[in-house]
């Protein structure tokens, strides 16, 4: 329970950030709306060139070289809502993490 962090230090040109949040799948959720909402959120955050991560963080602020979101709606057990990204040259993982979480917070606060 709670936050877990793991840092792997290997030689690389750019670091990579991967965050996972335990969430229910369609099969394990109490209310099906929650699972479908997670699927829609994944699409809004990372559903192509006009998605929020790509539009704001990759092309807009140029904090990230690449971003991604993953969610397995039809998993048999609980699953993970995965958010990943590679910071742009000159950016830090911490800056990217803050920017990604700010976009998730914005999704909660601002209607689509």
N, C-alpha and C. Protein backbone atom coordinates (compact mmCIF):
# COMPACT_ATOMS: atom_id res chain seq x y z
N UNK A 1 0.84 -1.18 0.00
CA UNK A 1 0.00 0.00 0.00
C UNK A 1 0.89 1.24 0.00
N UNK A 2 0.43 2.25 -0.65
CA UNK A 2 1.17 3.50 -0.67
C UNK A 2 2.10 3.62 -1.85
N UNK A 3 2.87 4.67 -1.84
CA UNK A 3 3.77 5.00 -2.93
C UNK A 3 5.01 4.12 -2.90
N UNK A 4 5.41 3.63 -4.06
CA UNK A 4 6.66 2.88 -4.20
C UNK A 4 7.44 3.49 -5.35
N UNK A 5 8.72 3.69 -5.14
CA UNK A 5 9.58 4.24 -6.20
C UNK A 5 10.76 3.32 -6.40
N UNK A 6 11.14 3.20 -7.66
CA UNK A 6 12.30 2.40 -8.02
C UNK A 6 13.08 3.17 -9.06
N UNK A 7 14.35 3.38 -8.82
CA UNK A 7 15.21 4.06 -9.78
C UNK A 7 16.27 3.08 -10.26
N UNK A 8 16.39 2.97 -11.56
CA UNK A 8 17.41 2.12 -12.16
C UNK A 8 18.38 3.04 -12.87
N UNK A 9 19.64 2.96 -12.51
CA UNK A 9 20.64 3.85 -13.09
C UNK A 9 21.53 3.04 -14.02
N UNK A 10 21.33 3.27 -15.32
CA UNK A 10 22.14 2.65 -16.36
C UNK A 10 22.54 3.72 -17.35
N UNK A 11 23.63 3.50 -18.08
CA UNK A 11 24.02 4.52 -19.07
C UNK A 11 22.94 4.64 -20.17
N UNK A 12 22.49 5.86 -20.39
CA UNK A 12 21.48 6.13 -21.43
C UNK A 12 21.57 7.60 -21.81
N UNK A 13 21.18 7.89 -23.05
CA UNK A 13 21.18 9.29 -23.48
C UNK A 13 20.07 10.07 -22.81
N UNK A 14 18.88 9.46 -22.71
CA UNK A 14 17.74 10.10 -22.07
C UNK A 14 17.11 9.15 -21.06
N UNK A 15 16.66 9.66 -19.92
CA UNK A 15 15.98 8.80 -18.94
C UNK A 15 14.55 8.52 -19.41
N UNK A 16 13.90 7.59 -18.74
CA UNK A 16 12.51 7.24 -19.06
C UNK A 16 11.74 7.13 -17.75
N UNK A 17 10.54 7.66 -17.73
CA UNK A 17 9.68 7.65 -16.54
C UNK A 17 8.49 6.75 -16.81
N UNK A 18 8.16 5.89 -15.86
CA UNK A 18 7.01 5.01 -15.96
C UNK A 18 6.28 5.03 -14.63
N UNK A 19 5.01 5.44 -14.65
CA UNK A 19 4.19 5.48 -13.43
C UNK A 19 2.99 4.55 -13.62
N UNK A 20 2.67 3.79 -12.60
CA UNK A 20 1.52 2.90 -12.66
C UNK A 20 0.63 3.11 -11.45
N UNK A 21 -0.67 3.14 -11.70
CA UNK A 21 -1.66 3.34 -10.64
C UNK A 21 -2.61 2.16 -10.65
N UNK A 22 -2.81 1.51 -9.50
CA UNK A 22 -3.72 0.37 -9.43
C UNK A 22 -5.15 0.84 -9.65
N UNK A 23 -5.81 0.24 -10.62
CA UNK A 23 -7.19 0.58 -10.96
C UNK A 23 -7.95 -0.70 -11.29
N UNK A 24 -9.27 -0.65 -11.21
CA UNK A 24 -10.04 -1.83 -11.56
C UNK A 24 -10.19 -1.97 -13.08
N UNK A 25 -10.44 -3.19 -13.50
CA UNK A 25 -10.79 -3.44 -14.90
C UNK A 25 -12.32 -3.55 -14.98
N UNK A 26 -12.82 -3.72 -16.16
CA UNK A 26 -14.27 -3.84 -16.35
C UNK A 26 -14.84 -5.04 -15.58
N UNK A 27 -14.04 -6.09 -15.46
CA UNK A 27 -14.49 -7.30 -14.79
C UNK A 27 -14.48 -7.17 -13.26
N UNK A 28 -13.63 -6.29 -12.71
CA UNK A 28 -13.49 -6.21 -11.25
C UNK A 28 -14.13 -4.97 -10.63
N UNK A 29 -14.64 -4.06 -11.43
CA UNK A 29 -15.16 -2.80 -10.92
C UNK A 29 -16.59 -2.96 -10.40
N UNK A 30 -16.95 -2.17 -9.41
CA UNK A 30 -18.32 -2.18 -8.86
C UNK A 30 -19.29 -1.50 -9.84
N UNK A 31 -18.91 -0.33 -10.32
CA UNK A 31 -19.73 0.44 -11.24
C UNK A 31 -19.00 0.51 -12.58
N UNK A 32 -19.60 -0.01 -13.65
CA UNK A 32 -18.95 -0.08 -14.95
C UNK A 32 -18.52 1.29 -15.47
N UNK A 33 -19.20 2.34 -15.03
CA UNK A 33 -18.87 3.69 -15.50
C UNK A 33 -17.43 4.06 -15.18
N UNK A 34 -16.91 3.58 -14.05
CA UNK A 34 -15.54 3.90 -13.66
C UNK A 34 -14.53 3.34 -14.65
N UNK A 35 -14.72 2.10 -15.07
CA UNK A 35 -13.80 1.48 -16.01
C UNK A 35 -13.86 2.19 -17.37
N UNK A 36 -15.04 2.52 -17.82
CA UNK A 36 -15.17 3.23 -19.10
C UNK A 36 -14.59 4.65 -19.00
N UNK A 37 -14.72 5.27 -17.84
CA UNK A 37 -14.14 6.60 -17.64
C UNK A 37 -12.62 6.55 -17.73
N UNK A 38 -12.01 5.50 -17.20
CA UNK A 38 -10.56 5.34 -17.30
C UNK A 38 -10.13 5.15 -18.76
N UNK A 39 -10.91 4.41 -19.52
CA UNK A 39 -10.61 4.21 -20.94
C UNK A 39 -10.70 5.53 -21.71
N UNK A 40 -11.71 6.33 -21.41
CA UNK A 40 -11.86 7.64 -22.04
C UNK A 40 -10.73 8.57 -21.62
N UNK A 41 -10.36 8.54 -20.34
CA UNK A 41 -9.26 9.37 -19.85
C UNK A 41 -7.95 9.03 -20.58
N UNK A 42 -7.71 7.74 -20.79
CA UNK A 42 -6.51 7.33 -21.52
C UNK A 42 -6.51 7.91 -22.92
N UNK A 43 -7.66 7.92 -23.57
CA UNK A 43 -7.76 8.48 -24.91
C UNK A 43 -7.58 9.99 -24.94
N UNK A 44 -8.11 10.67 -23.96
CA UNK A 44 -7.97 12.14 -23.89
C UNK A 44 -6.52 12.53 -23.65
N UNK A 45 -5.85 11.79 -22.78
CA UNK A 45 -4.46 12.11 -22.45
C UNK A 45 -3.50 11.70 -23.56
N UNK A 46 -3.76 10.56 -24.19
CA UNK A 46 -2.82 10.05 -25.20
C UNK A 46 -3.57 9.31 -26.30
N UNK A 47 -4.37 10.03 -27.05
CA UNK A 47 -5.14 9.40 -28.12
C UNK A 47 -4.82 9.96 -29.48
N UNK A 48 -3.59 10.31 -29.72
CA UNK A 48 -3.21 10.85 -31.02
C UNK A 48 -2.55 12.21 -30.91
N UNK A 49 -2.39 12.87 -32.05
CA UNK A 49 -1.68 14.15 -32.08
C UNK A 49 -2.42 15.27 -31.37
N UNK A 50 -3.73 15.20 -31.27
CA UNK A 50 -4.48 16.26 -30.59
C UNK A 50 -4.73 15.95 -29.12
N UNK A 51 -4.22 14.83 -28.62
CA UNK A 51 -4.37 14.48 -27.21
C UNK A 51 -3.56 15.44 -26.35
N UNK A 52 -3.93 15.54 -25.09
CA UNK A 52 -3.34 16.55 -24.21
C UNK A 52 -1.84 16.37 -23.99
N UNK A 53 -1.37 15.14 -23.79
CA UNK A 53 0.06 14.95 -23.57
C UNK A 53 0.86 15.39 -24.79
N UNK A 54 0.47 14.92 -25.95
CA UNK A 54 1.19 15.26 -27.17
C UNK A 54 1.10 16.74 -27.48
N UNK A 55 -0.09 17.28 -27.39
CA UNK A 55 -0.31 18.69 -27.73
C UNK A 55 0.40 19.64 -26.77
N UNK A 56 0.30 19.37 -25.47
CA UNK A 56 0.83 20.31 -24.47
C UNK A 56 2.27 20.04 -24.06
N UNK A 57 2.64 18.79 -23.89
CA UNK A 57 3.96 18.48 -23.33
C UNK A 57 5.02 18.19 -24.38
N UNK A 58 4.62 17.57 -25.50
CA UNK A 58 5.61 17.24 -26.53
C UNK A 58 5.79 18.42 -27.48
N UNK A 59 4.71 18.87 -28.09
CA UNK A 59 4.82 19.97 -29.06
C UNK A 59 4.74 21.34 -28.41
N UNK A 60 3.90 21.50 -27.39
CA UNK A 60 3.70 22.80 -26.77
C UNK A 60 4.87 23.26 -25.93
N UNK A 61 4.99 22.73 -24.73
CA UNK A 61 6.05 23.15 -23.80
C UNK A 61 7.39 22.47 -24.09
N UNK A 62 7.38 21.43 -24.88
CA UNK A 62 8.57 20.65 -25.24
C UNK A 62 9.30 20.12 -24.00
N UNK A 63 8.52 19.66 -23.04
CA UNK A 63 9.08 19.05 -21.83
C UNK A 63 9.41 17.58 -22.11
N UNK A 64 8.62 16.95 -22.96
CA UNK A 64 8.78 15.52 -23.24
C UNK A 64 9.12 15.27 -24.70
N UNK A 65 9.96 14.26 -24.92
CA UNK A 65 10.24 13.80 -26.28
C UNK A 65 9.14 12.84 -26.72
N UNK A 66 8.61 12.08 -25.78
CA UNK A 66 7.49 11.17 -26.06
C UNK A 66 6.72 10.91 -24.77
N UNK A 67 5.45 10.58 -24.92
CA UNK A 67 4.59 10.25 -23.78
C UNK A 67 3.66 9.12 -24.18
N UNK A 68 3.06 8.49 -23.18
CA UNK A 68 2.11 7.42 -23.47
C UNK A 68 1.26 7.10 -22.27
N UNK A 69 0.09 6.53 -22.54
CA UNK A 69 -0.83 6.10 -21.50
C UNK A 69 -1.34 4.71 -21.89
N UNK A 70 -1.45 3.83 -20.90
CA UNK A 70 -1.97 2.50 -21.16
C UNK A 70 -2.97 2.09 -20.10
N UNK A 71 -4.03 1.43 -20.54
CA UNK A 71 -5.05 0.90 -19.63
C UNK A 71 -5.68 -0.32 -20.28
N UNK A 72 -5.78 -1.41 -19.55
CA UNK A 72 -6.38 -2.64 -20.05
C UNK A 72 -7.80 -2.77 -19.52
N UNK A 73 -8.74 -2.29 -20.29
CA UNK A 73 -10.15 -2.30 -19.90
C UNK A 73 -10.66 -3.71 -19.66
N UNK A 74 -10.23 -4.66 -20.48
CA UNK A 74 -10.78 -6.02 -20.42
C UNK A 74 -9.89 -7.01 -19.69
N UNK A 75 -9.03 -6.54 -18.80
CA UNK A 75 -8.19 -7.45 -18.01
C UNK A 75 -9.06 -8.29 -17.09
N UNK A 76 -8.59 -9.48 -16.76
CA UNK A 76 -9.37 -10.39 -15.90
C UNK A 76 -9.33 -9.97 -14.43
N UNK A 77 -8.23 -9.36 -14.02
CA UNK A 77 -8.06 -8.93 -12.63
C UNK A 77 -7.83 -7.42 -12.62
N UNK A 78 -7.57 -6.89 -11.42
CA UNK A 78 -7.22 -5.47 -11.34
C UNK A 78 -6.03 -5.22 -12.24
N UNK A 79 -5.91 -4.00 -12.74
CA UNK A 79 -4.85 -3.68 -13.67
C UNK A 79 -4.17 -2.38 -13.27
N UNK A 80 -3.32 -1.87 -14.12
CA UNK A 80 -2.62 -0.62 -13.87
C UNK A 80 -2.97 0.40 -14.94
N UNK A 81 -3.13 1.64 -14.51
CA UNK A 81 -3.25 2.77 -15.42
C UNK A 81 -1.83 3.30 -15.53
N UNK A 82 -1.21 3.08 -16.69
CA UNK A 82 0.20 3.40 -16.87
C UNK A 82 0.37 4.74 -17.59
N UNK A 83 1.26 5.55 -17.07
CA UNK A 83 1.64 6.82 -17.70
C UNK A 83 3.15 6.79 -17.85
N UNK A 84 3.62 7.06 -19.08
CA UNK A 84 5.06 7.01 -19.31
C UNK A 84 5.51 8.19 -20.14
N UNK A 85 6.79 8.47 -20.05
CA UNK A 85 7.33 9.55 -20.85
C UNK A 85 8.84 9.58 -20.83
N UNK A 86 9.38 10.19 -21.85
CA UNK A 86 10.81 10.43 -21.95
C UNK A 86 11.01 11.94 -22.00
N UNK A 87 11.77 12.49 -21.06
CA UNK A 87 11.97 13.94 -21.07
C UNK A 87 12.80 14.39 -22.28
N UNK A 88 12.53 15.59 -22.74
CA UNK A 88 13.32 16.17 -23.82
C UNK A 88 14.74 16.44 -23.33
N UNK A 89 15.62 16.62 -24.27
CA UNK A 89 17.01 16.95 -23.94
C UNK A 89 17.03 18.21 -23.07
N UNK A 90 17.71 18.15 -21.94
CA UNK A 90 17.81 19.29 -21.04
C UNK A 90 16.72 19.34 -19.97
N UNK A 91 15.75 18.46 -20.04
CA UNK A 91 14.69 18.39 -19.03
C UNK A 91 14.98 17.24 -18.06
N UNK A 92 14.43 17.33 -16.86
CA UNK A 92 14.64 16.28 -15.87
C UNK A 92 13.41 15.39 -15.76
N UNK A 93 13.61 14.23 -15.16
CA UNK A 93 12.50 13.30 -14.93
C UNK A 93 11.50 13.93 -13.96
N UNK A 94 11.99 14.67 -12.98
CA UNK A 94 11.12 15.30 -12.00
C UNK A 94 10.21 16.34 -12.66
N UNK A 95 10.76 17.12 -13.58
CA UNK A 95 9.97 18.10 -14.31
C UNK A 95 8.90 17.42 -15.14
N UNK A 96 9.27 16.33 -15.80
CA UNK A 96 8.32 15.58 -16.61
C UNK A 96 7.22 14.97 -15.74
N UNK A 97 7.59 14.39 -14.59
CA UNK A 97 6.60 13.80 -13.69
C UNK A 97 5.59 14.85 -13.24
N UNK A 98 6.06 16.01 -12.86
CA UNK A 98 5.17 17.09 -12.43
C UNK A 98 4.25 17.52 -13.56
N UNK A 99 4.78 17.64 -14.76
CA UNK A 99 3.98 18.06 -15.92
C UNK A 99 2.92 17.02 -16.27
N UNK A 100 3.28 15.75 -16.22
CA UNK A 100 2.30 14.68 -16.51
C UNK A 100 1.18 14.68 -15.47
N UNK A 101 1.54 14.77 -14.20
CA UNK A 101 0.52 14.78 -13.14
C UNK A 101 -0.34 16.03 -13.20
N UNK A 102 0.23 17.15 -13.63
CA UNK A 102 -0.56 18.37 -13.80
C UNK A 102 -1.60 18.20 -14.90
N UNK A 103 -1.26 17.49 -15.96
CA UNK A 103 -2.22 17.23 -17.03
C UNK A 103 -3.35 16.32 -16.54
N UNK A 104 -3.03 15.36 -15.69
CA UNK A 104 -4.07 14.50 -15.10
C UNK A 104 -4.98 15.33 -14.21
N UNK A 105 -4.38 16.20 -13.40
CA UNK A 105 -5.16 17.10 -12.52
C UNK A 105 -6.05 18.01 -13.36
N UNK A 106 -5.51 18.51 -14.47
CA UNK A 106 -6.29 19.37 -15.36
C UNK A 106 -7.49 18.60 -15.93
N UNK A 107 -7.31 17.32 -16.20
CA UNK A 107 -8.41 16.49 -16.69
C UNK A 107 -9.52 16.40 -15.65
N UNK A 108 -9.15 16.38 -14.38
CA UNK A 108 -10.15 16.34 -13.31
C UNK A 108 -10.88 17.67 -13.17
N UNK A 109 -10.16 18.77 -13.36
CA UNK A 109 -10.71 20.10 -13.10
C UNK A 109 -11.42 20.74 -14.29
N UNK A 110 -10.86 20.58 -15.49
CA UNK A 110 -11.40 21.22 -16.69
C UNK A 110 -12.18 20.23 -17.53
N UNK A 111 -13.40 20.55 -17.88
CA UNK A 111 -14.15 19.63 -18.75
C UNK A 111 -13.52 19.56 -20.14
N UNK A 112 -13.73 18.46 -20.79
CA UNK A 112 -13.17 18.25 -22.13
C UNK A 112 -14.02 19.00 -23.13
